[in-house]
Amino acid sequence: DYNGTGTKVVVATAEMPFRWILQGDMPT
């Protein structure tokens, strides 16, 4: 029941950390 509309939906989610070219902590 997507948002109370009675419609069936498929929800696909994906997450990932972005890896910077420079690895390690960067002092400011």
mmCIF file of all heavy atoms, coordinates in Angstrom:
data_MODEL
# 
_entry.id   MODEL 
# 
loop_
_atom_site.group_PDB 
_atom_site.id 
_atom_site.type_symbol 
_atom_site.label_atom_id 
_atom_site.label_alt_id 
_atom_site.label_comp_id 
_atom_site.label_asym_id 
_atom_site.label_entity_id 
_atom_site.label_seq_id 
_atom_site.pdbx_PDB_ins_code 
_atom_site.Cartn_x 
_atom_site.Cartn_y 
_atom_site.Cartn_z 
_atom_site.occupancy 
_atom_site.B_iso_or_equiv 
_atom_site.pdbx_formal_charge 
_atom_site.auth_seq_id 
_atom_site.auth_comp_id 
_atom_site.auth_asym_id 
_atom_site.auth_atom_id 
_atom_site.pdbx_PDB_model_num 
ATOM 1   N N   . ASP A 1 1  ? 0.868  -1.184 0.000  1.00 0.00 ? 1  ASP A N   1 
ATOM 2   C CA  . ASP A 1 1  ? 0.000  0.000  0.000  1.00 0.00 ? 1  ASP A CA  1 
ATOM 3   C C   . ASP A 1 1  ? 0.906  1.235  0.000  1.00 0.00 ? 1  ASP A C   1 
ATOM 4   O O   . ASP A 1 1  ? 1.226  1.795  1.041  1.00 0.00 ? 1  ASP A O   1 
ATOM 5   C CB  . ASP A 1 1  ? -0.913 -0.015 1.233  1.00 0.00 ? 1  ASP A CB  1 
ATOM 6   C CG  . ASP A 1 1  ? -1.930 1.110  1.222  1.00 0.00 ? 1  ASP A CG  1 
ATOM 7   O OD1 . ASP A 1 1  ? -2.190 1.666  0.144  1.00 0.00 ? 1  ASP A OD1 1 
ATOM 8   O OD2 . ASP A 1 1  ? -2.456 1.434  2.303  1.00 0.00 ? 1  ASP A OD2 1 
ATOM 9   N N   . TYR A 1 2  ? 1.297  1.658  -1.185 1.00 0.00 ? 2  TYR A N   1 
ATOM 10  C CA  . TYR A 1 2  ? 2.251  2.755  -1.310 1.00 0.00 ? 2  TYR A CA  1 
ATOM 11  C C   . TYR A 1 2  ? 1.574  4.092  -1.037 1.00 0.00 ? 2  TYR A C   1 
ATOM 12  O O   . TYR A 1 2  ? 0.672  4.509  -1.754 1.00 0.00 ? 2  TYR A O   1 
ATOM 13  C CB  . TYR A 1 2  ? 2.879  2.745  -2.705 1.00 0.00 ? 2  TYR A CB  1 
ATOM 14  C CG  . TYR A 1 2  ? 3.973  3.766  -2.887 1.00 0.00 ? 2  TYR A CG  1 
ATOM 15  C CD1 . TYR A 1 2  ? 5.166  3.644  -2.197 1.00 0.00 ? 2  TYR A CD1 1 
ATOM 16  C CD2 . TYR A 1 2  ? 3.801  4.841  -3.741 1.00 0.00 ? 2  TYR A CD2 1 
ATOM 17  C CE1 . TYR A 1 2  ? 6.177  4.565  -2.362 1.00 0.00 ? 2  TYR A CE1 1 
ATOM 18  C CE2 . TYR A 1 2  ? 4.805  5.772  -3.914 1.00 0.00 ? 2  TYR A CE2 1 
ATOM 19  C CZ  . TYR A 1 2  ? 5.988  5.632  -3.228 1.00 0.00 ? 2  TYR A CZ  1 
ATOM 20  O OH  . TYR A 1 2  ? 6.986  6.551  -3.388 1.00 0.00 ? 2  TYR A OH  1 
ATOM 21  N N   . ASN A 1 3  ? 1.996  4.743  0.034  1.00 0.00 ? 3  ASN A N   1 
ATOM 22  C CA  . ASN A 1 3  ? 1.472  6.067  0.445  1.00 0.00 ? 3  ASN A CA  1 
ATOM 23  C C   . ASN A 1 3  ? -0.044 6.090  0.569  1.00 0.00 ? 3  ASN A C   1 
ATOM 24  O O   . ASN A 1 3  ? -0.692 7.092  0.271  1.00 0.00 ? 3  ASN A O   1 
ATOM 25  C CB  . ASN A 1 3  ? 1.923  7.163  -0.520 1.00 0.00 ? 3  ASN A CB  1 
ATOM 26  C CG  . ASN A 1 3  ? 3.393  7.478  -0.387 1.00 0.00 ? 3  ASN A CG  1 
ATOM 27  O OD1 . ASN A 1 3  ? 4.018  7.148  0.624  1.00 0.00 ? 3  ASN A OD1 1 
ATOM 28  N ND2 . ASN A 1 3  ? 3.946  8.112  -1.396 1.00 0.00 ? 3  ASN A ND2 1 
ATOM 29  N N   . GLY A 1 4  ? -0.626 4.978  0.971  1.00 0.00 ? 4  GLY A N   1 
ATOM 30  C CA  . GLY A 1 4  ? -2.063 4.929  1.198  1.00 0.00 ? 4  GLY A CA  1 
ATOM 31  C C   . GLY A 1 4  ? -2.896 4.916  -0.074 1.00 0.00 ? 4  GLY A C   1 
ATOM 32  O O   . GLY A 1 4  ? -4.098 5.139  -0.028 1.00 0.00 ? 4  GLY A O   1 
ATOM 33  N N   . THR A 1 5  ? -2.303 4.634  -1.216 1.00 0.00 ? 5  THR A N   1 
ATOM 34  C CA  . THR A 1 5  ? -3.040 4.633  -2.486 1.00 0.00 ? 5  THR A CA  1 
ATOM 35  C C   . THR A 1 5  ? -3.571 3.258  -2.847 1.00 0.00 ? 5  THR A C   1 
ATOM 36  O O   . THR A 1 5  ? -4.359 3.144  -3.782 1.00 0.00 ? 5  THR A O   1 
ATOM 37  C CB  . THR A 1 5  ? -2.133 5.119  -3.630 1.00 0.00 ? 5  THR A CB  1 
ATOM 38  O OG1 . THR A 1 5  ? -1.015 4.229  -3.742 1.00 0.00 ? 5  THR A OG1 1 
ATOM 39  C CG2 . THR A 1 5  ? -1.652 6.535  -3.392 1.00 0.00 ? 5  THR A CG2 1 
ATOM 40  N N   . GLY A 1 6  ? -3.132 2.226  -2.142 1.00 0.00 ? 6  GLY A N   1 
ATOM 41  C CA  . GLY A 1 6  ? -3.557 0.875  -2.472 1.00 0.00 ? 6  GLY A CA  1 
ATOM 42  C C   . GLY A 1 6  ? -2.790 0.291  -3.646 1.00 0.00 ? 6  GLY A C   1 
ATOM 43  O O   . GLY A 1 6  ? -3.117 -0.786 -4.123 1.00 0.00 ? 6  GLY A O   1 
ATOM 44  N N   . THR A 1 7  ? -1.789 0.961  -4.120 1.00 0.00 ? 7  THR A N   1 
ATOM 45  C CA  . THR A 1 7  ? -0.987 0.501  -5.249 1.00 0.00 ? 7  THR A CA  1 
ATOM 46  C C   . THR A 1 7  ? 0.210  -0.301 -4.748 1.00 0.00 ? 7  THR A C   1 
ATOM 47  O O   . THR A 1 7  ? 0.893  0.117  -3.821 1.00 0.00 ? 7  THR A O   1 
ATOM 48  C CB  . THR A 1 7  ? -0.472 1.716  -6.059 1.00 0.00 ? 7  THR A CB  1 
ATOM 49  O OG1 . THR A 1 7  ? -1.565 2.526  -6.433 1.00 0.00 ? 7  THR A OG1 1 
ATOM 50  C CG2 . THR A 1 7  ? 0.291  1.276  -7.285 1.00 0.00 ? 7  THR A CG2 1 
ATOM 51  N N   . LYS A 1 8  ? 0.436  -1.447 -5.379 1.00 0.00 ? 8  LYS A N   1 
ATOM 52  C CA  . LYS A 1 8  ? 1.618  -2.237 -5.044 1.00 0.00 ? 8  LYS A CA  1 
ATOM 53  C C   . LYS A 1 8  ? 2.789  -1.731 -5.878 1.00 0.00 ? 8  LYS A C   1 
ATOM 54  O O   . LYS A 1 8  ? 2.678  -1.573 -7.090 1.00 0.00 ? 8  LYS A O   1 
ATOM 55  C CB  . LYS A 1 8  ? 1.389  -3.713 -5.337 1.00 0.00 ? 8  LYS A CB  1 
ATOM 56  C CG  . LYS A 1 8  ? 0.602  -4.425 -4.285 1.00 0.00 ? 8  LYS A CG  1 
ATOM 57  C CD  . LYS A 1 8  ? 0.642  -5.925 -4.523 1.00 0.00 ? 8  LYS A CD  1 
ATOM 58  C CE  . LYS A 1 8  ? -0.105 -6.630 -3.409 1.00 0.00 ? 8  LYS A CE  1 
ATOM 59  N NZ  . LYS A 1 8  ? -0.034 -8.082 -3.551 1.00 0.00 ? 8  LYS A NZ  1 
ATOM 60  N N   . VAL A 1 9  ? 3.908  -1.499 -5.189 1.00 0.00 ? 9  VAL A N   1 
ATOM 61  C CA  . VAL A 1 9  ? 5.107  -1.030 -5.873 1.00 0.00 ? 9  VAL A CA  1 
ATOM 62  C C   . VAL A 1 9  ? 6.309  -1.846 -5.407 1.00 0.00 ? 9  VAL A C   1 
ATOM 63  O O   . VAL A 1 9  ? 6.271  -2.503 -4.364 1.00 0.00 ? 9  VAL A O   1 
ATOM 64  C CB  . VAL A 1 9  ? 5.380  0.474  -5.611 1.00 0.00 ? 9  VAL A CB  1 
ATOM 65  C CG1 . VAL A 1 9  ? 4.270  1.339  -6.171 1.00 0.00 ? 9  VAL A CG1 1 
ATOM 66  C CG2 . VAL A 1 9  ? 5.596  0.741  -4.148 1.00 0.00 ? 9  VAL A CG2 1 
ATOM 67  N N   . VAL A 1 10 ? 7.360  -1.756 -6.183 1.00 0.00 ? 10 VAL A N   1 
ATOM 68  C CA  . VAL A 1 10 ? 8.645  -2.342 -5.818 1.00 0.00 ? 10 VAL A CA  1 
ATOM 69  C C   . VAL A 1 10 ? 9.606  -1.182 -5.594 1.00 0.00 ? 10 VAL A C   1 
ATOM 70  O O   . VAL A 1 10 ? 9.731  -0.293 -6.435 1.00 0.00 ? 10 VAL A O   1 
ATOM 71  C CB  . VAL A 1 10 ? 9.169  -3.290 -6.917 1.00 0.00 ? 10 VAL A CB  1 
ATOM 72  C CG1 . VAL A 1 10 ? 10.568 -3.761 -6.613 1.00 0.00 ? 10 VAL A CG1 1 
ATOM 73  C CG2 . VAL A 1 10 ? 8.239  -4.468 -7.085 1.00 0.00 ? 10 VAL A CG2 1 
ATOM 74  N N   . VAL A 1 11 ? 10.256 -1.189 -4.431 1.00 0.00 ? 11 VAL A N   1 
ATOM 75  C CA  . VAL A 1 11 ? 11.204 -0.131 -4.077 1.00 0.00 ? 11 VAL A CA  1 
ATOM 76  C C   . VAL A 1 11 ? 12.599 -0.750 -4.018 1.00 0.00 ? 11 VAL A C   1 
ATOM 77  O O   . VAL A 1 11 ? 12.841 -1.670 -3.244 1.00 0.00 ? 11 VAL A O   1 
ATOM 78  C CB  . VAL A 1 11 ? 10.852 0.508  -2.717 1.00 0.00 ? 11 VAL A CB  1 
ATOM 79  C CG1 . VAL A 1 11 ? 11.852 1.590  -2.360 1.00 0.00 ? 11 VAL A CG1 1 
ATOM 80  C CG2 . VAL A 1 11 ? 9.443  1.063  -2.731 1.00 0.00 ? 11 VAL A CG2 1 
ATOM 81  N N   . ALA A 1 12 ? 13.496 -0.237 -4.851 1.00 0.00 ? 12 ALA A N   1 
ATOM 82  C CA  . ALA A 1 12 ? 14.884 -0.708 -4.861 1.00 0.00 ? 12 ALA A CA  1 
ATOM 83  C C   . ALA A 1 12 ? 15.777 0.423  -4.357 1.00 0.00 ? 12 ALA A C   1 
ATOM 84  O O   . ALA A 1 12 ? 15.679 1.552  -4.836 1.00 0.00 ? 12 ALA A O   1 
ATOM 85  C CB  . ALA A 1 12 ? 15.295 -1.111 -6.272 1.00 0.00 ? 12 ALA A CB  1 
ATOM 86  N N   . THR A 1 13 ? 16.612 0.126  -3.375 1.00 0.00 ? 13 THR A N   1 
ATOM 87  C CA  . THR A 1 13 ? 17.537 1.127  -2.837 1.00 0.00 ? 13 THR A CA  1 
ATOM 88  C C   . THR A 1 13 ? 18.939 0.529  -2.780 1.00 0.00 ? 13 THR A C   1 
ATOM 89  O O   . THR A 1 13 ? 19.102 -0.678 -2.594 1.00 0.00 ? 13 THR A O   1 
ATOM 90  C CB  . THR A 1 13 ? 17.143 1.590  -1.427 1.00 0.00 ? 13 THR A CB  1 
ATOM 91  O OG1 . THR A 1 13 ? 17.142 0.453  -0.558 1.00 0.00 ? 13 THR A OG1 1 
ATOM 92  C CG2 . THR A 1 13 ? 15.786 2.243  -1.414 1.00 0.00 ? 13 THR A CG2 1 
ATOM 93  N N   . ALA A 1 14 ? 19.918 1.397  -2.928 1.00 0.00 ? 14 ALA A N   1 
ATOM 94  C CA  . ALA A 1 14 ? 21.318 0.982  -2.815 1.00 0.00 ? 14 ALA A CA  1 
ATOM 95  C C   . ALA A 1 14 ? 22.116 2.161  -2.273 1.00 0.00 ? 14 ALA A C   1 
ATOM 96  O O   . ALA A 1 14 ? 21.842 3.312  -2.605 1.00 0.00 ? 14 ALA A O   1 
ATOM 97  C CB  . ALA A 1 14 ? 21.863 0.542  -4.163 1.00 0.00 ? 14 ALA A CB  1 
ATOM 98  N N   . GLU A 1 15 ? 23.069 1.848  -1.425 1.00 0.00 ? 15 GLU A N   1 
ATOM 99  C CA  . GLU A 1 15 ? 23.943 2.863  -0.819 1.00 0.00 ? 15 GLU A CA  1 
ATOM 100 C C   . GLU A 1 15 ? 25.380 2.387  -0.889 1.00 0.00 ? 15 GLU A C   1 
ATOM 101 O O   . GLU A 1 15 ? 25.645 1.193  -0.777 1.00 0.00 ? 15 GLU A O   1 
ATOM 102 C CB  . GLU A 1 15 ? 23.607 3.071  0.661  1.00 0.00 ? 15 GLU A CB  1 
ATOM 103 C CG  . GLU A 1 15 ? 22.598 4.106  0.935  1.00 0.00 ? 15 GLU A CG  1 
ATOM 104 C CD  . GLU A 1 15 ? 22.423 4.347  2.437  1.00 0.00 ? 15 GLU A CD  1 
ATOM 105 O OE1 . GLU A 1 15 ? 23.353 4.040  3.214  1.00 0.00 ? 15 GLU A OE1 1 
ATOM 106 O OE2 . GLU A 1 15 ? 21.363 4.827  2.806  1.00 0.00 ? 15 GLU A OE2 1 
ATOM 107 N N   . MET A 1 16 ? 26.276 3.351  -1.042 1.00 0.00 ? 16 MET A N   1 
ATOM 108 C CA  . MET A 1 16 ? 27.697 3.027  -1.010 1.00 0.00 ? 16 MET A CA  1 
ATOM 109 C C   . MET A 1 16 ? 28.491 4.266  -0.627 1.00 0.00 ? 16 MET A C   1 
ATOM 110 O O   . MET A 1 16 ? 28.081 5.384  -0.940 1.00 0.00 ? 16 MET A O   1 
ATOM 111 C CB  . MET A 1 16 ? 28.189 2.496  -2.356 1.00 0.00 ? 16 MET A CB  1 
ATOM 112 C CG  . MET A 1 16 ? 28.173 3.512  -3.470 1.00 0.00 ? 16 MET A CG  1 
ATOM 113 S SD  . MET A 1 16 ? 28.876 2.924  -4.992 1.00 0.00 ? 16 MET A SD  1 
ATOM 114 C CE  . MET A 1 16 ? 30.598 3.099  -4.647 1.00 0.00 ? 16 MET A CE  1 
ATOM 115 N N   . PRO A 1 17 ? 29.608 4.097  0.069  1.00 0.00 ? 17 PRO A N   1 
ATOM 116 C CA  . PRO A 1 17 ? 30.458 5.251  0.362  1.00 0.00 ? 17 PRO A CA  1 
ATOM 117 C C   . PRO A 1 17 ? 31.259 5.617  -0.885 1.00 0.00 ? 17 PRO A C   1 
ATOM 118 O O   . PRO A 1 17 ? 31.698 4.746  -1.627 1.00 0.00 ? 17 PRO A O   1 
ATOM 119 C CB  . PRO A 1 17 ? 31.369 4.760  1.480  1.00 0.00 ? 17 PRO A CB  1 
ATOM 120 C CG  . PRO A 1 17 ? 31.414 3.286  1.300  1.00 0.00 ? 17 PRO A CG  1 
ATOM 121 C CD  . PRO A 1 17 ? 30.089 2.884  0.723  1.00 0.00 ? 17 PRO A CD  1 
ATOM 122 N N   . PHE A 1 18 ? 31.416 6.914  -1.106 1.00 0.00 ? 18 PHE A N   1 
ATOM 123 C CA  . PHE A 1 18 ? 32.246 7.370  -2.221 1.00 0.00 ? 18 PHE A CA  1 
ATOM 124 C C   . PHE A 1 18 ? 33.701 7.322  -1.785 1.00 0.00 ? 18 PHE A C   1 
ATOM 125 O O   . PHE A 1 18 ? 34.053 7.825  -0.723 1.00 0.00 ? 18 PHE A O   1 
ATOM 126 C CB  . PHE A 1 18 ? 31.855 8.796  -2.629 1.00 0.00 ? 18 PHE A CB  1 
ATOM 127 C CG  . PHE A 1 18 ? 32.718 9.357  -3.718 1.00 0.00 ? 18 PHE A CG  1 
ATOM 128 C CD1 . PHE A 1 18 ? 32.658 8.843  -4.990 1.00 0.00 ? 18 PHE A CD1 1 
ATOM 129 C CD2 . PHE A 1 18 ? 33.595 10.393 -3.460 1.00 0.00 ? 18 PHE A CD2 1 
ATOM 130 C CE1 . PHE A 1 18 ? 33.452 9.352  -6.002 1.00 0.00 ? 18 PHE A CE1 1 
ATOM 131 C CE2 . PHE A 1 18 ? 34.400 10.910 -4.455 1.00 0.00 ? 18 PHE A CE2 1 
ATOM 132 C CZ  . PHE A 1 18 ? 34.327 10.387 -5.736 1.00 0.00 ? 18 PHE A CZ  1 
ATOM 133 N N   . ARG A 1 19 ? 34.538 6.704  -2.592 1.00 0.00 ? 19 ARG A N   1 
ATOM 134 C CA  . ARG A 1 19 ? 35.956 6.594  -2.277 1.00 0.00 ? 19 ARG A CA  1 
ATOM 135 C C   . ARG A 1 19 ? 36.726 7.662  -3.038 1.00 0.00 ? 19 ARG A C   1 
ATOM 136 O O   . ARG A 1 19 ? 36.770 7.648  -4.261 1.00 0.00 ? 19 ARG A O   1 
ATOM 137 C CB  . ARG A 1 19 ? 36.479 5.208  -2.629 1.00 0.00 ? 19 ARG A CB  1 
ATOM 138 C CG  . ARG A 1 19 ? 36.000 4.166  -1.654 1.00 0.00 ? 19 ARG A CG  1 
ATOM 139 C CD  . ARG A 1 19 ? 36.563 2.805  -1.992 1.00 0.00 ? 19 ARG A CD  1 
ATOM 140 N NE  . ARG A 1 19 ? 36.203 1.808  -1.025 1.00 0.00 ? 19 ARG A NE  1 
ATOM 141 C CZ  . ARG A 1 19 ? 34.984 1.335  -0.817 1.00 0.00 ? 19 ARG A CZ  1 
ATOM 142 N NH1 . ARG A 1 19 ? 33.969 1.815  -1.478 1.00 0.00 ? 19 ARG A NH1 1 
ATOM 143 N NH2 . ARG A 1 19 ? 34.754 0.396  0.082  1.00 0.00 ? 19 ARG A NH2 1 
ATOM 144 N N   . TRP A 1 20 ? 37.337 8.564  -2.275 1.00 0.00 ? 20 TRP A N   1 
ATOM 145 C CA  . TRP A 1 20 ? 38.110 9.643  -2.868 1.00 0.00 ? 20 TRP A CA  1 
ATOM 146 C C   . TRP A 1 20 ? 39.410 9.081  -3.435 1.00 0.00 ? 20 TRP A C   1 
ATOM 147 O O   . TRP A 1 20 ? 39.884 8.034  -3.021 1.00 0.00 ? 20 TRP A O   1 
ATOM 148 C CB  . TRP A 1 20 ? 38.427 10.701 -1.812 1.00 0.00 ? 20 TRP A CB  1 
ATOM 149 C CG  . TRP A 1 20 ? 37.205 11.274 -1.195 1.00 0.00 ? 20 TRP A CG  1 
ATOM 150 C CD1 . TRP A 1 20 ? 36.575 10.843 -0.070 1.00 0.00 ? 20 TRP A CD1 1 
ATOM 151 C CD2 . TRP A 1 20 ? 36.428 12.364 -1.684 1.00 0.00 ? 20 TRP A CD2 1 
ATOM 152 N NE1 . TRP A 1 20 ? 35.470 11.615 0.175  1.00 0.00 ? 20 TRP A NE1 1 
ATOM 153 C CE2 . TRP A 1 20 ? 35.358 12.550 -0.793 1.00 0.00 ? 20 TRP A CE2 1 
ATOM 154 C CE3 . TRP A 1 20 ? 36.542 13.208 -2.775 1.00 0.00 ? 20 TRP A CE3 1 
ATOM 155 C CZ2 . TRP A 1 20 ? 34.401 13.540 -0.963 1.00 0.00 ? 20 TRP A CZ2 1 
ATOM 156 C CZ3 . TRP A 1 20 ? 35.593 14.196 -2.953 1.00 0.00 ? 20 TRP A CZ3 1 
ATOM 157 C CH2 . TRP A 1 20 ? 34.535 14.345 -2.056 1.00 0.00 ? 20 TRP A CH2 1 
ATOM 158 N N   . ILE A 1 21 ? 39.995 9.801  -4.368 1.00 0.00 ? 21 ILE A N   1 
ATOM 159 C CA  . ILE A 1 21 ? 41.273 9.378  -4.937 1.00 0.00 ? 21 ILE A CA  1 
ATOM 160 C C   . ILE A 1 21 ? 42.335 9.367  -3.850 1.00 0.00 ? 21 ILE A C   1 
ATOM 161 O O   . ILE A 1 21 ? 43.120 8.439  -3.741 1.00 0.00 ? 21 ILE A O   1 
ATOM 162 C CB  . ILE A 1 21 ? 41.680 10.302 -6.102 1.00 0.00 ? 21 ILE A CB  1 
ATOM 163 C CG1 . ILE A 1 21 ? 40.807 10.024 -7.308 1.00 0.00 ? 21 ILE A CG1 1 
ATOM 164 C CG2 . ILE A 1 21 ? 43.140 10.083 -6.478 1.00 0.00 ? 21 ILE A CG2 1 
ATOM 165 C CD1 . ILE A 1 21 ? 41.084 10.913 -8.488 1.00 0.00 ? 21 ILE A CD1 1 
ATOM 166 N N   . LEU A 1 22 ? 42.364 10.421 -3.026 1.00 0.00 ? 22 LEU A N   1 
ATOM 167 C CA  . LEU A 1 22 ? 43.304 10.465 -1.917 1.00 0.00 ? 22 LEU A CA  1 
ATOM 168 C C   . LEU A 1 22 ? 42.711 9.697  -0.748 1.00 0.00 ? 22 LEU A C   1 
ATOM 169 O O   . LEU A 1 22 ? 41.655 10.065 -0.232 1.00 0.00 ? 22 LEU A O   1 
ATOM 170 C CB  . LEU A 1 22 ? 43.583 11.910 -1.500 1.00 0.00 ? 22 LEU A CB  1 
ATOM 171 C CG  . LEU A 1 22 ? 44.261 12.788 -2.543 1.00 0.00 ? 22 LEU A CG  1 
ATOM 172 C CD1 . LEU A 1 22 ? 44.381 14.205 -2.026 1.00 0.00 ? 22 LEU A CD1 1 
ATOM 173 C CD2 . LEU A 1 22 ? 45.622 12.239 -2.893 1.00 0.00 ? 22 LEU A CD2 1 
ATOM 174 N N   . GLN A 1 23 ? 43.354 8.625  -0.359 1.00 0.00 ? 23 GLN A N   1 
ATOM 175 C CA  . GLN A 1 23 ? 42.858 7.809  0.741  1.00 0.00 ? 23 GLN A CA  1 
ATOM 176 C C   . GLN A 1 23 ? 43.464 8.280  2.061  1.00 0.00 ? 23 GLN A C   1 
ATOM 177 O O   . GLN A 1 23 ? 44.540 8.859  2.090  1.00 0.00 ? 23 GLN A O   1 
ATOM 178 C CB  . GLN A 1 23 ? 43.210 6.344  0.518  1.00 0.00 ? 23 GLN A CB  1 
ATOM 179 C CG  . GLN A 1 23 ? 42.541 5.751  -0.698 1.00 0.00 ? 23 GLN A CG  1 
ATOM 180 C CD  . GLN A 1 23 ? 41.032 5.704  -0.572 1.00 0.00 ? 23 GLN A CD  1 
ATOM 181 O OE1 . GLN A 1 23 ? 40.503 5.306  0.449  1.00 0.00 ? 23 GLN A OE1 1 
ATOM 182 N NE2 . GLN A 1 23 ? 40.332 6.113  -1.610 1.00 0.00 ? 23 GLN A NE2 1 
ATOM 183 N N   . GLY A 1 24 ? 42.773 8.042  3.135  1.00 0.00 ? 24 GLY A N   1 
ATOM 184 C CA  . GLY A 1 24 ? 43.255 8.427  4.460  1.00 0.00 ? 24 GLY A CA  1 
ATOM 185 C C   . GLY A 1 24 ? 42.710 9.786  4.866  1.00 0.00 ? 24 GLY A C   1 
ATOM 186 O O   . GLY A 1 24 ? 42.095 10.505 4.080  1.00 0.00 ? 24 GLY A O   1 
ATOM 187 N N   . ASP A 1 25 ? 42.919 10.133 6.122  1.00 0.00 ? 25 ASP A N   1 
ATOM 188 C CA  . ASP A 1 25 ? 42.438 11.411 6.629  1.00 0.00 ? 25 ASP A CA  1 
ATOM 189 C C   . ASP A 1 25 ? 43.254 12.551 6.033  1.00 0.00 ? 25 ASP A C   1 
ATOM 190 O O   . ASP A 1 25 ? 44.457 12.449 5.850  1.00 0.00 ? 25 ASP A O   1 
ATOM 191 C CB  . ASP A 1 25 ? 42.542 11.458 8.154  1.00 0.00 ? 25 ASP A CB  1 
ATOM 192 C CG  . ASP A 1 25 ? 41.551 10.510 8.805  1.00 0.00 ? 25 ASP A CG  1 
ATOM 193 O OD1 . ASP A 1 25 ? 40.555 10.174 8.142  1.00 0.00 ? 25 ASP A OD1 1 
ATOM 194 O OD2 . ASP A 1 25 ? 41.780 10.115 9.958  1.00 0.00 ? 25 ASP A OD2 1 
ATOM 195 N N   . MET A 1 26 ? 42.552 13.637 5.718  1.00 0.00 ? 26 MET A N   1 
ATOM 196 C CA  . MET A 1 26 ? 43.191 14.806 5.130  1.00 0.00 ? 26 MET A CA  1 
ATOM 197 C C   . MET A 1 26 ? 43.229 15.916 6.172  1.00 0.00 ? 26 MET A C   1 
ATOM 198 O O   . MET A 1 26 ? 42.180 16.383 6.614  1.00 0.00 ? 26 MET A O   1 
ATOM 199 C CB  . MET A 1 26 ? 42.412 15.260 3.901  1.00 0.00 ? 26 MET A CB  1 
ATOM 200 C CG  . MET A 1 26 ? 42.412 14.234 2.785  1.00 0.00 ? 26 MET A CG  1 
ATOM 201 S SD  . MET A 1 26 ? 41.324 14.653 1.449  1.00 0.00 ? 26 MET A SD  1 
ATOM 202 C CE  . MET A 1 26 ? 39.806 13.901 2.023  1.00 0.00 ? 26 MET A CE  1 
ATOM 203 N N   . PRO A 1 27 ? 44.420 16.337 6.607  1.00 0.00 ? 27 PRO A N   1 
ATOM 204 C CA  . PRO A 1 27 ? 44.490 17.404 7.616  1.00 0.00 ? 27 PRO A CA  1 
ATOM 205 C C   . PRO A 1 27 ? 44.054 18.739 7.019  1.00 0.00 ? 27 PRO A C   1 
ATOM 206 O O   . PRO A 1 27 ? 44.379 19.059 5.879  1.00 0.00 ? 27 PRO A O   1 
ATOM 207 C CB  . PRO A 1 27 ? 45.959 17.426 8.011  1.00 0.00 ? 27 PRO A CB  1 
ATOM 208 C CG  . PRO A 1 27 ? 46.673 16.818 6.866  1.00 0.00 ? 27 PRO A CG  1 
ATOM 209 C CD  . PRO A 1 27 ? 45.735 15.850 6.223  1.00 0.00 ? 27 PRO A CD  1 
ATOM 210 N N   . THR A 1 28 ? 43.292 19.491 7.788  1.00 0.00 ? 28 THR A N   1 
ATOM 211 C CA  . THR A 1 28 ? 42.849 20.802 7.316  1.00 0.00 ? 28 THR A CA  1 
ATOM 212 C C   . THR A 1 28 ? 43.739 21.907 7.833  1.00 0.00 ? 28 THR A C   1 
ATOM 213 O O   . THR A 1 28 ? 43.798 22.968 7.255  1.00 0.00 ? 28 THR A O   1 
ATOM 214 C CB  . THR A 1 28 ? 41.404 21.076 7.766  1.00 0.00 ? 28 THR A CB  1 
ATOM 215 O OG1 . THR A 1 28 ? 41.349 20.977 9.189  1.00 0.00 ? 28 THR A OG1 1 
ATOM 216 C CG2 . THR A 1 28 ? 40.456 20.088 7.138  1.00 0.00 ? 28 THR A CG2 1 
# 
